[in-house]
């Protein structure tokens, strides 16, 4: 099976952006095989499809609270919260 066909067949969770599909090439059979879903943050490969939503909620690397001391090191994709837990937005004057 081609990688594109495997991707279309096994891409059950397109809404989870922290997971990629992992494929392995079997050199004896000369075909691509589906290996599982790989977590981008922790590197773990999940072979069962029903574990993906639960791993999204429980992964320590995905849900890590980062404390930045310098504004230059803030990741642009990070969600910044205020002390009371609301999403921070800059003041408009």
N, C-alpha and C. Protein backbone atom coordinates (compact mmCIF):
# COMPACT_ATOMS: atom_id res chain seq x y z
N UNK A 1 0.84 -1.18 0.00
CA UNK A 1 0.00 0.00 0.00
C UNK A 1 0.89 1.25 0.00
N UNK A 2 0.49 2.26 -0.72
CA UNK A 2 1.24 3.50 -0.75
C UNK A 2 1.03 4.28 0.54
N UNK A 3 1.96 5.19 0.84
CA UNK A 3 1.84 5.99 2.05
C UNK A 3 0.60 6.87 2.02
N UNK A 4 0.24 7.39 0.85
CA UNK A 4 -0.94 8.23 0.75
C UNK A 4 -2.21 7.46 1.08
N UNK A 5 -2.27 6.20 0.62
CA UNK A 5 -3.43 5.37 0.93
C UNK A 5 -3.50 5.04 2.41
N UNK A 6 -2.34 4.76 3.02
CA UNK A 6 -2.31 4.50 4.46
C UNK A 6 -2.74 5.73 5.25
N UNK A 7 -2.30 6.90 4.78
CA UNK A 7 -2.66 8.14 5.47
C UNK A 7 -4.18 8.37 5.41
N UNK A 8 -4.76 8.16 4.25
CA UNK A 8 -6.20 8.36 4.11
C UNK A 8 -6.99 7.34 4.93
N UNK A 9 -6.48 6.12 5.03
CA UNK A 9 -7.19 5.06 5.75
C UNK A 9 -7.12 5.25 7.27
N UNK A 10 -5.97 5.68 7.79
CA UNK A 10 -5.75 5.71 9.24
C UNK A 10 -5.83 7.11 9.85
N UNK A 11 -6.09 8.13 9.08
CA UNK A 11 -6.15 9.49 9.63
C UNK A 11 -7.54 9.72 10.25
N UNK A 12 -7.75 9.16 11.44
CA UNK A 12 -9.05 9.26 12.11
C UNK A 12 -9.16 10.49 13.00
N UNK A 13 -8.03 11.11 13.32
CA UNK A 13 -8.03 12.25 14.25
C UNK A 13 -7.31 13.45 13.62
N UNK A 14 -7.87 14.06 12.58
CA UNK A 14 -7.19 15.23 12.00
C UNK A 14 -7.26 16.47 12.89
N UNK A 15 -8.16 16.47 13.88
CA UNK A 15 -8.29 17.64 14.76
C UNK A 15 -7.18 17.71 15.79
N UNK A 16 -6.47 16.62 16.06
CA UNK A 16 -5.36 16.62 17.01
C UNK A 16 -4.08 16.95 16.26
N UNK A 17 -3.56 18.14 16.50
CA UNK A 17 -2.38 18.62 15.77
C UNK A 17 -1.07 18.12 16.37
N UNK A 18 -1.10 17.51 17.56
CA UNK A 18 0.12 17.04 18.22
C UNK A 18 0.45 15.59 17.86
N UNK A 19 -0.24 15.01 16.89
CA UNK A 19 0.00 13.63 16.50
C UNK A 19 0.26 13.53 15.01
N UNK A 20 1.25 12.71 14.66
CA UNK A 20 1.53 12.40 13.27
C UNK A 20 1.32 10.91 13.06
N UNK A 21 1.04 10.52 11.83
CA UNK A 21 0.91 9.10 11.51
C UNK A 21 2.30 8.53 11.28
N UNK A 22 2.58 7.38 11.90
CA UNK A 22 3.89 6.73 11.75
C UNK A 22 3.74 5.51 10.85
N UNK A 23 4.62 5.42 9.86
CA UNK A 23 4.63 4.29 8.92
C UNK A 23 6.00 3.64 8.93
N UNK A 24 6.04 2.33 8.73
CA UNK A 24 7.29 1.58 8.60
C UNK A 24 7.29 0.88 7.25
N UNK A 25 8.50 0.76 6.68
CA UNK A 25 8.64 0.06 5.41
C UNK A 25 9.14 -1.36 5.67
N UNK A 26 8.37 -2.35 5.24
CA UNK A 26 8.76 -3.75 5.39
C UNK A 26 9.59 -4.13 4.17
N UNK A 27 10.89 -4.36 4.39
CA UNK A 27 11.79 -4.63 3.26
C UNK A 27 11.58 -6.02 2.68
N UNK A 28 11.08 -6.96 3.47
CA UNK A 28 10.84 -8.30 2.93
C UNK A 28 9.64 -8.31 1.99
N UNK A 29 8.56 -7.68 2.42
CA UNK A 29 7.35 -7.63 1.59
C UNK A 29 7.33 -6.44 0.64
N UNK A 30 8.24 -5.48 0.87
CA UNK A 30 8.36 -4.26 0.05
C UNK A 30 7.06 -3.47 0.01
N UNK A 31 6.48 -3.28 1.22
CA UNK A 31 5.27 -2.47 1.34
C UNK A 31 5.39 -1.60 2.59
N UNK A 32 4.60 -0.54 2.62
CA UNK A 32 4.52 0.32 3.79
C UNK A 32 3.44 -0.21 4.72
N UNK A 33 3.72 -0.19 6.04
CA UNK A 33 2.76 -0.63 7.05
C UNK A 33 2.52 0.51 8.03
N UNK A 34 1.31 0.56 8.54
CA UNK A 34 0.95 1.56 9.53
C UNK A 34 1.51 1.13 10.89
N UNK A 35 2.28 2.03 11.55
CA UNK A 35 2.90 1.71 12.84
C UNK A 35 2.09 2.26 14.00
N UNK A 36 1.42 3.39 13.81
CA UNK A 36 0.63 3.99 14.88
C UNK A 36 0.63 5.50 14.78
N UNK A 37 0.19 6.14 15.86
CA UNK A 37 0.15 7.59 15.95
C UNK A 37 1.29 8.04 16.84
N UNK A 38 2.12 8.96 16.36
CA UNK A 38 3.27 9.42 17.14
C UNK A 38 2.96 10.79 17.75
N UNK A 39 3.13 10.88 19.06
CA UNK A 39 2.97 12.16 19.76
C UNK A 39 4.19 13.02 19.44
N UNK A 40 3.97 14.21 18.94
CA UNK A 40 5.06 15.10 18.54
C UNK A 40 5.82 15.60 19.77
N UNK A 41 5.14 15.79 20.87
CA UNK A 41 5.76 16.39 22.06
C UNK A 41 6.60 15.39 22.85
N UNK A 42 6.09 14.19 23.13
CA UNK A 42 6.84 13.23 23.95
C UNK A 42 7.51 12.13 23.14
N UNK A 43 7.13 11.96 21.87
CA UNK A 43 7.76 10.97 21.01
C UNK A 43 7.20 9.56 21.13
N UNK A 44 6.17 9.38 21.92
CA UNK A 44 5.59 8.05 22.12
C UNK A 44 4.73 7.66 20.92
N UNK A 45 4.84 6.39 20.50
CA UNK A 45 4.02 5.88 19.40
C UNK A 45 2.86 5.09 19.99
N UNK A 46 1.66 5.49 19.65
CA UNK A 46 0.44 4.85 20.14
C UNK A 46 -0.09 3.93 19.06
N UNK A 47 -0.15 2.64 19.36
CA UNK A 47 -0.57 1.67 18.35
C UNK A 47 -2.08 1.47 18.31
N UNK A 48 -2.76 1.80 19.39
CA UNK A 48 -4.22 1.65 19.43
C UNK A 48 -4.87 3.01 19.17
N UNK A 49 -5.86 3.03 18.30
CA UNK A 49 -6.45 4.29 17.89
C UNK A 49 -7.29 4.94 18.98
N UNK A 50 -7.88 4.16 19.88
CA UNK A 50 -8.76 4.75 20.89
C UNK A 50 -7.99 5.42 22.02
N UNK A 51 -6.68 5.29 22.06
CA UNK A 51 -5.87 5.91 23.12
C UNK A 51 -5.51 7.35 22.78
N UNK A 52 -5.61 7.74 21.53
CA UNK A 52 -5.17 9.07 21.09
C UNK A 52 -5.88 10.21 21.83
N UNK A 53 -7.21 10.23 21.95
CA UNK A 53 -7.84 11.34 22.67
C UNK A 53 -7.45 11.38 24.16
N UNK A 54 -7.30 10.22 24.76
CA UNK A 54 -6.93 10.17 26.17
C UNK A 54 -5.49 10.64 26.38
N UNK A 55 -4.59 10.29 25.44
CA UNK A 55 -3.20 10.73 25.54
C UNK A 55 -3.10 12.25 25.37
N UNK A 56 -3.96 12.81 24.54
CA UNK A 56 -3.99 14.28 24.35
C UNK A 56 -4.30 14.98 25.67
N UNK A 57 -5.15 14.41 26.48
CA UNK A 57 -5.51 15.01 27.77
C UNK A 57 -4.48 14.72 28.85
N UNK A 58 -3.80 13.57 28.79
CA UNK A 58 -2.93 13.15 29.88
C UNK A 58 -1.44 13.33 29.63
N UNK A 59 -1.02 13.68 28.43
CA UNK A 59 0.40 13.80 28.12
C UNK A 59 1.00 14.98 28.89
N UNK A 60 2.06 14.70 29.64
CA UNK A 60 2.69 15.74 30.44
C UNK A 60 3.37 16.79 29.58
N UNK A 61 3.91 16.37 28.43
CA UNK A 61 4.60 17.33 27.56
C UNK A 61 3.63 18.24 26.81
N UNK A 62 2.46 17.74 26.45
CA UNK A 62 1.46 18.58 25.77
C UNK A 62 0.86 19.59 26.75
N UNK A 63 0.56 19.14 27.95
CA UNK A 63 -0.13 19.98 28.93
C UNK A 63 0.81 20.64 29.93
N UNK A 64 2.07 20.73 29.60
CA UNK A 64 3.05 21.33 30.50
C UNK A 64 2.81 22.83 30.65
N UNK A 65 2.92 23.32 31.87
CA UNK A 65 2.81 24.75 32.12
C UNK A 65 4.23 25.30 32.10
N UNK A 66 4.50 26.17 31.17
CA UNK A 66 5.85 26.72 31.02
C UNK A 66 5.90 28.10 31.67
N UNK A 67 6.98 28.35 32.38
CA UNK A 67 7.20 29.65 33.02
C UNK A 67 8.36 30.32 32.30
N UNK A 68 8.11 31.48 31.71
CA UNK A 68 9.12 32.21 30.97
C UNK A 68 9.61 33.38 31.79
N UNK A 69 10.92 33.59 31.78
CA UNK A 69 11.49 34.71 32.51
C UNK A 69 11.82 35.87 31.57
N UNK A 70 11.94 35.58 30.30
CA UNK A 70 12.28 36.60 29.32
C UNK A 70 11.22 36.56 28.22
N UNK A 71 10.77 37.72 27.77
CA UNK A 71 9.73 37.77 26.75
C UNK A 71 10.22 37.25 25.40
N UNK A 72 11.52 37.26 25.15
CA UNK A 72 12.04 36.81 23.87
C UNK A 72 11.97 35.29 23.71
N UNK A 73 11.90 34.55 24.80
CA UNK A 73 11.88 33.10 24.69
C UNK A 73 10.48 32.51 24.66
N UNK A 74 9.44 33.32 24.59
CA UNK A 74 8.06 32.83 24.55
C UNK A 74 7.77 32.25 23.18
N UNK A 75 7.24 31.04 23.17
CA UNK A 75 6.84 30.39 21.94
C UNK A 75 5.62 31.11 21.37
N UNK A 76 5.62 31.50 20.09
CA UNK A 76 4.47 32.22 19.53
C UNK A 76 3.16 31.44 19.56
N UNK A 77 3.24 30.11 19.58
CA UNK A 77 2.01 29.32 19.60
C UNK A 77 1.50 29.07 21.02
N UNK A 78 2.20 29.58 22.03
CA UNK A 78 1.81 29.33 23.42
C UNK A 78 0.60 30.18 23.80
N UNK A 79 -0.27 29.63 24.63
CA UNK A 79 -1.41 30.35 25.17
C UNK A 79 -0.99 30.91 26.52
N UNK A 80 -1.05 32.22 26.68
CA UNK A 80 -0.60 32.87 27.90
C UNK A 80 -1.82 33.16 28.77
N UNK A 81 -1.74 32.73 30.03
CA UNK A 81 -2.83 32.93 30.97
C UNK A 81 -2.45 33.97 32.01
N UNK A 82 -3.46 34.68 32.53
CA UNK A 82 -3.23 35.62 33.61
C UNK A 82 -3.23 34.86 34.93
N UNK A 83 -3.03 35.56 36.04
CA UNK A 83 -3.00 34.91 37.35
C UNK A 83 -4.33 34.26 37.72
N UNK A 84 -5.43 34.80 37.20
CA UNK A 84 -6.74 34.22 37.52
C UNK A 84 -7.19 33.17 36.50
N UNK A 85 -6.31 32.77 35.56
CA UNK A 85 -6.60 31.68 34.65
C UNK A 85 -7.25 32.06 33.34
N UNK A 86 -7.45 33.34 33.08
CA UNK A 86 -8.04 33.77 31.81
C UNK A 86 -6.95 33.96 30.76
N UNK A 87 -7.34 33.86 29.50
CA UNK A 87 -6.38 34.04 28.41
C UNK A 87 -5.96 35.50 28.35
N UNK A 88 -4.64 35.73 28.35
CA UNK A 88 -4.10 37.08 28.35
C UNK A 88 -4.24 37.71 26.97
N UNK A 89 -4.59 38.98 26.94
CA UNK A 89 -4.66 39.77 25.71
C UNK A 89 -4.07 41.14 26.01
N UNK A 90 -3.36 41.74 25.06
CA UNK A 90 -2.78 43.05 25.33
C UNK A 90 -3.87 44.12 25.44
N UNK A 91 -3.56 45.13 26.22
CA UNK A 91 -4.51 46.24 26.39
C UNK A 91 -4.54 47.08 25.13
N UNK A 92 -5.70 47.57 24.79
CA UNK A 92 -5.87 48.48 23.65
C UNK A 92 -6.08 49.88 24.19
N UNK A 93 -5.32 50.82 23.71
CA UNK A 93 -5.45 52.21 24.15
C UNK A 93 -6.21 53.03 23.14
